[in-house]
């Protein structure tokens, strides 16, 4: 099976690199980007460079559209004849562009998946959500999983839940990074050099996340285990609650959710 990528920017490049590093046959990865400097960043990966977007469609069983949302209609329009004739699985990772919007350009007969990855895919630890149109089948679903499991975890969701997913998985890395930086600044405040404090804070967050995933305990259960009676941690937790930490998180997610709905 050949997988073709139209676009090799930050997210497209991350998925390409992940797929090339997986058990997938890297020689079957085709890539096109009008910006040749982006292709140079992929040098060393065993991929084939296509001469055009049309060439990608003609040669690929699966086509991944990794272009910015505002560019999507312009990229798709000239590809419609080849897409309708060959009917490869088309995967779009464009934020805010619904399946129905894409189908209004290419029609409803082309198998189509909408996927929302997040920035952690660049480290092979992404979280992606996907949905399929009515022209897709189980084999297409497995293809989507195969591609995006190469850069993290994947969950199938109804499209109406994508705005919520974007808020808690797509936007949350920025929220988490603010939290890590705030922890590091607190370390600096009490004498730890910033780079050391960043390493401590990021590892603490990473380790806690892995503990949560491995134990499958409720977050509150683990938190309660850390909070000794009259101890230092419960004092900090109470301070966070007093300052509205949980409400701030809920409001950040709400703001991201509402913005995505308007796209």
Protein backbone atom coordinates (compact mmCIF):
# COMPACT_ATOMS: atom_id res chain seq x y z
CA UNK A 1 0.00 0.00 0.00
CA UNK A 2 1.29 3.42 -0.93
CA UNK A 3 0.58 6.42 1.26
CA UNK A 4 0.97 9.85 -0.27
CA UNK A 5 1.31 13.12 1.62
CA UNK A 6 0.38 16.50 0.22
CA UNK A 7 2.13 18.87 2.60
CA UNK A 8 5.25 18.26 4.69
CA UNK A 9 5.04 21.03 7.28
CA UNK A 10 5.17 20.61 11.05
CA UNK A 11 2.34 18.11 11.41
CA UNK A 12 2.70 16.47 8.02
CA UNK A 13 6.43 16.06 8.55
CA UNK A 14 5.87 14.54 12.00
CA UNK A 15 3.46 11.94 10.61
CA UNK A 16 5.76 11.15 7.69
CA UNK A 17 8.72 10.64 10.01
CA UNK A 18 6.68 8.50 12.37
CA UNK A 19 5.36 6.32 9.58
CA UNK A 20 8.84 5.97 8.07
CA UNK A 21 10.18 4.85 11.46
CA UNK A 22 7.44 2.26 11.98
CA UNK A 23 7.13 -1.21 10.53
CA UNK A 24 5.52 0.32 7.46
CA UNK A 25 7.60 0.02 4.30
CA UNK A 26 9.12 3.48 4.07
CA UNK A 27 9.71 3.16 0.31
CA UNK A 28 5.93 3.26 -0.11
CA UNK A 29 5.68 6.78 1.34
CA UNK A 30 5.29 9.49 -1.30
CA UNK A 31 5.55 13.17 -0.41
CA UNK A 32 4.85 16.42 -2.22
CA UNK A 33 5.18 19.97 -0.97
CA UNK A 34 5.51 23.04 -3.14
CA UNK A 35 8.03 24.34 -0.58
CA UNK A 36 11.09 22.23 -1.36
CA UNK A 37 12.86 23.40 1.82
CA UNK A 38 10.35 21.34 3.82
CA UNK A 39 11.24 18.28 1.79
CA UNK A 40 14.92 18.78 2.59
CA UNK A 41 14.08 18.44 6.30
CA UNK A 42 12.98 14.88 5.56
CA UNK A 43 16.29 13.91 3.98
CA UNK A 44 17.51 10.66 5.47
CA UNK A 45 14.01 9.21 5.64
CA UNK A 46 13.38 6.54 3.04
CA UNK A 47 10.62 8.35 1.18
CA UNK A 48 9.89 9.12 -2.44
CA UNK A 49 9.39 12.70 -3.60
CA UNK A 50 6.47 13.25 -5.97
CA UNK A 51 6.49 15.90 -8.68
CA UNK A 52 3.01 17.27 -7.94
CA UNK A 53 -0.12 16.85 -5.86
CA UNK A 54 -1.77 15.21 -8.87
CA UNK A 55 1.09 12.71 -8.97
CA UNK A 56 0.38 11.83 -5.32
CA UNK A 57 -3.25 11.04 -6.10
CA UNK A 58 -2.36 8.99 -9.18
CA UNK A 59 0.17 6.83 -7.33
CA UNK A 60 -1.27 6.46 -3.82
CA UNK A 61 -3.81 4.15 -2.20
CA UNK A 62 -4.16 6.64 0.65
CA UNK A 63 -3.72 10.40 0.35
CA UNK A 64 -3.05 12.51 3.44
CA UNK A 65 -3.90 16.19 3.06
CA UNK A 66 -1.55 17.97 5.46
CA UNK A 67 -2.17 21.55 4.35
CA UNK A 68 -3.51 24.56 6.24
CA UNK A 69 -7.31 24.88 6.37
CA UNK A 70 -7.32 28.09 4.32
CA UNK A 71 -5.41 26.32 1.53
CA UNK A 72 -7.56 23.19 1.42
CA UNK A 73 -10.14 24.19 -1.18
CA UNK A 74 -7.45 25.45 -3.55
CA UNK A 75 -5.48 22.22 -3.19
CA UNK A 76 -8.52 19.96 -3.57
CA UNK A 77 -10.22 21.54 -6.59
CA UNK A 78 -7.73 20.42 -9.27
CA UNK A 79 -7.52 16.94 -7.71
CA UNK A 80 -11.24 16.15 -7.94
CA UNK A 81 -11.17 14.33 -11.32
CA UNK A 82 -8.35 11.99 -10.22
CA UNK A 83 -9.88 11.47 -6.76
CA UNK A 84 -13.26 10.53 -8.23
CA UNK A 85 -11.65 8.21 -10.80
CA UNK A 86 -9.21 6.41 -8.47
CA UNK A 87 -11.08 6.79 -5.17
CA UNK A 88 -8.12 6.47 -2.78
CA UNK A 89 -8.75 6.92 0.92
CA UNK A 90 -8.47 10.66 1.48
CA UNK A 91 -7.38 11.80 4.95
CA UNK A 92 -7.66 15.44 5.96
CA UNK A 93 -6.01 16.86 9.08
CA UNK A 94 -7.25 20.42 8.46
CA UNK A 95 -8.74 21.95 11.60
CA UNK A 96 -12.31 23.13 11.37
CA UNK A 97 -13.06 21.59 7.96
CA UNK A 98 -15.90 19.14 8.41
CA UNK A 99 -16.47 15.99 6.36
CA UNK A 100 -19.53 17.57 4.73
CA UNK A 101 -17.47 20.61 3.68
CA UNK A 102 -14.85 18.43 2.01
CA UNK A 103 -17.55 16.30 0.36
CA UNK A 104 -19.08 19.46 -1.11
CA UNK A 105 -15.87 19.74 -3.16
CA UNK A 106 -14.99 16.11 -3.94
CA UNK A 107 -18.41 14.45 -3.74
CA UNK A 108 -19.64 11.69 -1.43
CA UNK A 109 -18.21 8.68 -3.29
CA UNK A 110 -14.56 9.13 -2.30
CA UNK A 111 -13.62 7.38 0.99
CA UNK A 112 -12.81 10.18 3.41
CA UNK A 113 -11.41 10.40 6.94
CA UNK A 114 -11.13 13.51 9.03
CA UNK A 115 -8.34 13.27 11.59
CA UNK A 116 -7.31 15.70 14.31
CA UNK A 117 -3.76 15.02 15.60
CA UNK A 118 -1.97 17.14 18.19
CA UNK A 119 1.53 18.60 18.41
CA UNK A 120 2.86 15.72 20.54
CA UNK A 121 2.88 13.63 17.35
CA UNK A 122 6.25 15.27 16.72
CA UNK A 123 7.59 13.25 19.66
CA UNK A 124 5.69 10.09 18.72
CA UNK A 125 3.31 10.67 21.65
CA UNK A 126 0.40 12.28 19.84
CA UNK A 127 -3.30 11.93 20.53
CA UNK A 128 -5.47 11.80 17.39
CA UNK A 129 -9.20 11.52 16.81
CA UNK A 130 -10.82 10.41 13.57
CA UNK A 131 -14.16 9.94 11.88
CA UNK A 132 -15.10 8.51 8.48
CA UNK A 133 -17.68 9.27 5.81
CA UNK A 134 -20.26 6.80 4.53
CA UNK A 135 -18.08 5.75 1.58
CA UNK A 136 -15.45 4.33 3.96
CA UNK A 137 -15.28 0.80 5.34
CA UNK A 138 -13.41 -1.17 8.01
CA UNK A 139 -10.27 -1.44 5.88
CA UNK A 140 -10.12 2.35 5.66
CA UNK A 141 -10.54 2.57 9.42
CA UNK A 142 -7.60 0.22 9.92
CA UNK A 143 -5.49 2.30 7.55
CA UNK A 144 -6.19 5.44 9.55
CA UNK A 145 -5.26 3.66 12.76
CA UNK A 146 -2.06 2.26 11.25
CA UNK A 147 -0.89 5.68 10.09
CA UNK A 148 -1.66 7.64 13.23
CA UNK A 149 -0.66 4.96 15.71
CA UNK A 150 2.84 5.45 14.29
CA UNK A 151 2.87 8.83 16.09
CA UNK A 152 0.85 8.08 19.23
CA UNK A 153 -2.64 6.97 20.18
CA UNK A 154 -5.86 7.15 18.15
CA UNK A 155 -9.53 7.26 19.09
CA UNK A 156 -12.59 7.15 16.86
CA UNK A 157 -15.12 9.87 17.70
CA UNK A 158 -18.33 11.21 16.26
CA UNK A 159 -17.58 14.38 14.33
CA UNK A 160 -19.80 16.47 16.59
CA UNK A 161 -17.32 15.74 19.40
CA UNK A 162 -14.32 17.08 17.48
CA UNK A 163 -14.55 20.58 18.95
CA UNK A 164 -14.37 19.09 22.44
CA UNK A 165 -11.46 16.86 21.39
CA UNK A 166 -9.64 19.87 19.89
CA UNK A 167 -10.03 21.74 23.17
CA UNK A 168 -8.80 18.96 25.47
CA UNK A 169 -6.16 17.37 23.20
CA UNK A 170 -5.29 19.90 20.50
CA UNK A 171 -5.11 23.00 22.72
CA UNK A 172 -4.10 21.38 26.00
CA UNK A 173 -0.39 21.01 25.13
CA UNK A 174 -0.21 24.82 25.26
CA UNK A 175 -2.00 24.83 28.62
CA UNK A 176 0.31 22.12 29.97
CA UNK A 177 3.40 23.96 28.77
CA UNK A 178 2.25 27.11 30.58
CA UNK A 179 1.87 25.00 33.74
CA UNK A 180 5.34 23.46 33.33
CA UNK A 181 6.90 26.88 32.75
CA UNK A 182 5.13 28.25 35.82
CA UNK A 183 6.50 25.36 37.89
CA UNK A 184 9.98 26.02 36.53
CA UNK A 185 9.70 29.73 37.36
CA UNK A 186 8.74 28.78 40.89
CA UNK A 187 11.91 26.69 41.02
CA UNK A 188 13.94 29.69 39.85
CA UNK A 189 12.28 31.77 42.55
CA UNK A 190 13.74 29.44 45.15
CA UNK A 191 17.20 29.14 43.63
CA UNK A 192 17.10 26.39 40.99
CA UNK A 193 18.55 27.39 37.57
CA UNK A 194 15.85 27.68 34.89
CA UNK A 195 17.06 24.84 32.64
CA UNK A 196 17.33 22.50 35.62
CA UNK A 197 13.92 23.59 36.87
CA UNK A 198 12.39 22.96 33.44
CA UNK A 199 13.86 19.47 33.36
CA UNK A 200 12.54 18.73 36.85
CA UNK A 201 9.06 20.06 36.10
CA UNK A 202 8.70 18.38 32.69
CA UNK A 203 9.88 15.01 34.02
CA UNK A 204 7.51 15.29 36.98
CA UNK A 205 4.58 15.90 34.59
CA UNK A 206 5.71 13.10 32.25
CA UNK A 207 6.15 10.64 35.10
CA UNK A 208 2.77 11.49 36.61
CA UNK A 209 1.08 11.03 33.24
CA UNK A 210 2.67 7.62 32.73
CA UNK A 211 1.70 6.59 36.26
CA UNK A 212 -1.91 7.55 35.51
CA UNK A 213 -1.92 5.62 32.24
CA UNK A 214 -0.29 2.52 33.70
CA UNK A 215 -2.34 2.26 36.88
CA UNK A 216 -5.67 3.38 35.32
CA UNK A 217 -6.52 4.87 38.69
CA UNK A 218 -8.70 7.93 38.98
CA UNK A 219 -6.57 11.12 39.06
CA UNK A 220 -8.07 12.04 42.44
CA UNK A 221 -7.04 8.68 43.86
CA UNK A 222 -3.40 9.23 42.95
CA UNK A 223 -3.56 12.83 44.13
CA UNK A 224 -5.00 11.75 47.48
CA UNK A 225 -2.12 9.28 47.87
CA UNK A 226 0.38 12.14 47.47
CA UNK A 227 -1.43 14.43 49.92
CA UNK A 228 -0.32 13.44 53.41
CA UNK A 229 -2.40 14.87 56.29
CA UNK A 230 -1.09 18.32 57.24
CA UNK A 231 1.62 17.89 54.59
CA UNK A 232 3.20 20.16 52.03
CA UNK A 233 1.28 18.85 49.01
CA UNK A 234 -2.21 19.36 50.45
CA UNK A 235 -1.24 22.94 51.24
CA UNK A 236 -0.36 23.47 47.60
CA UNK A 237 -3.55 21.75 46.39
CA UNK A 238 -5.66 23.96 48.65
CA UNK A 239 -3.85 27.02 47.31
CA UNK A 240 -4.59 25.96 43.72
CA UNK A 241 -8.25 25.47 44.55
CA UNK A 242 -8.39 28.77 46.41
CA UNK A 243 -6.94 30.54 43.35
CA UNK A 244 -9.44 28.92 40.97
CA UNK A 245 -7.08 26.50 39.21
CA UNK A 246 -9.76 24.00 38.16
CA UNK A 247 -12.14 26.74 37.03
CA UNK A 248 -9.35 28.33 34.98
CA UNK A 249 -8.79 25.00 33.19
CA UNK A 250 -12.52 24.62 32.51
CA UNK A 251 -12.68 28.17 31.15
CA UNK A 252 -9.63 27.62 28.93
CA UNK A 253 -11.24 24.51 27.43
CA UNK A 254 -14.55 26.34 26.99
CA UNK A 255 -12.84 29.21 25.16
CA UNK A 256 -11.02 26.81 22.82
CA UNK A 257 -14.22 24.81 22.25
CA UNK A 258 -16.24 27.92 21.36
CA UNK A 259 -13.53 29.19 19.02
CA UNK A 260 -13.34 25.86 17.19
CA UNK A 261 -17.11 25.92 16.71
CA UNK A 262 -16.78 29.26 14.92
CA UNK A 263 -14.11 28.07 12.46
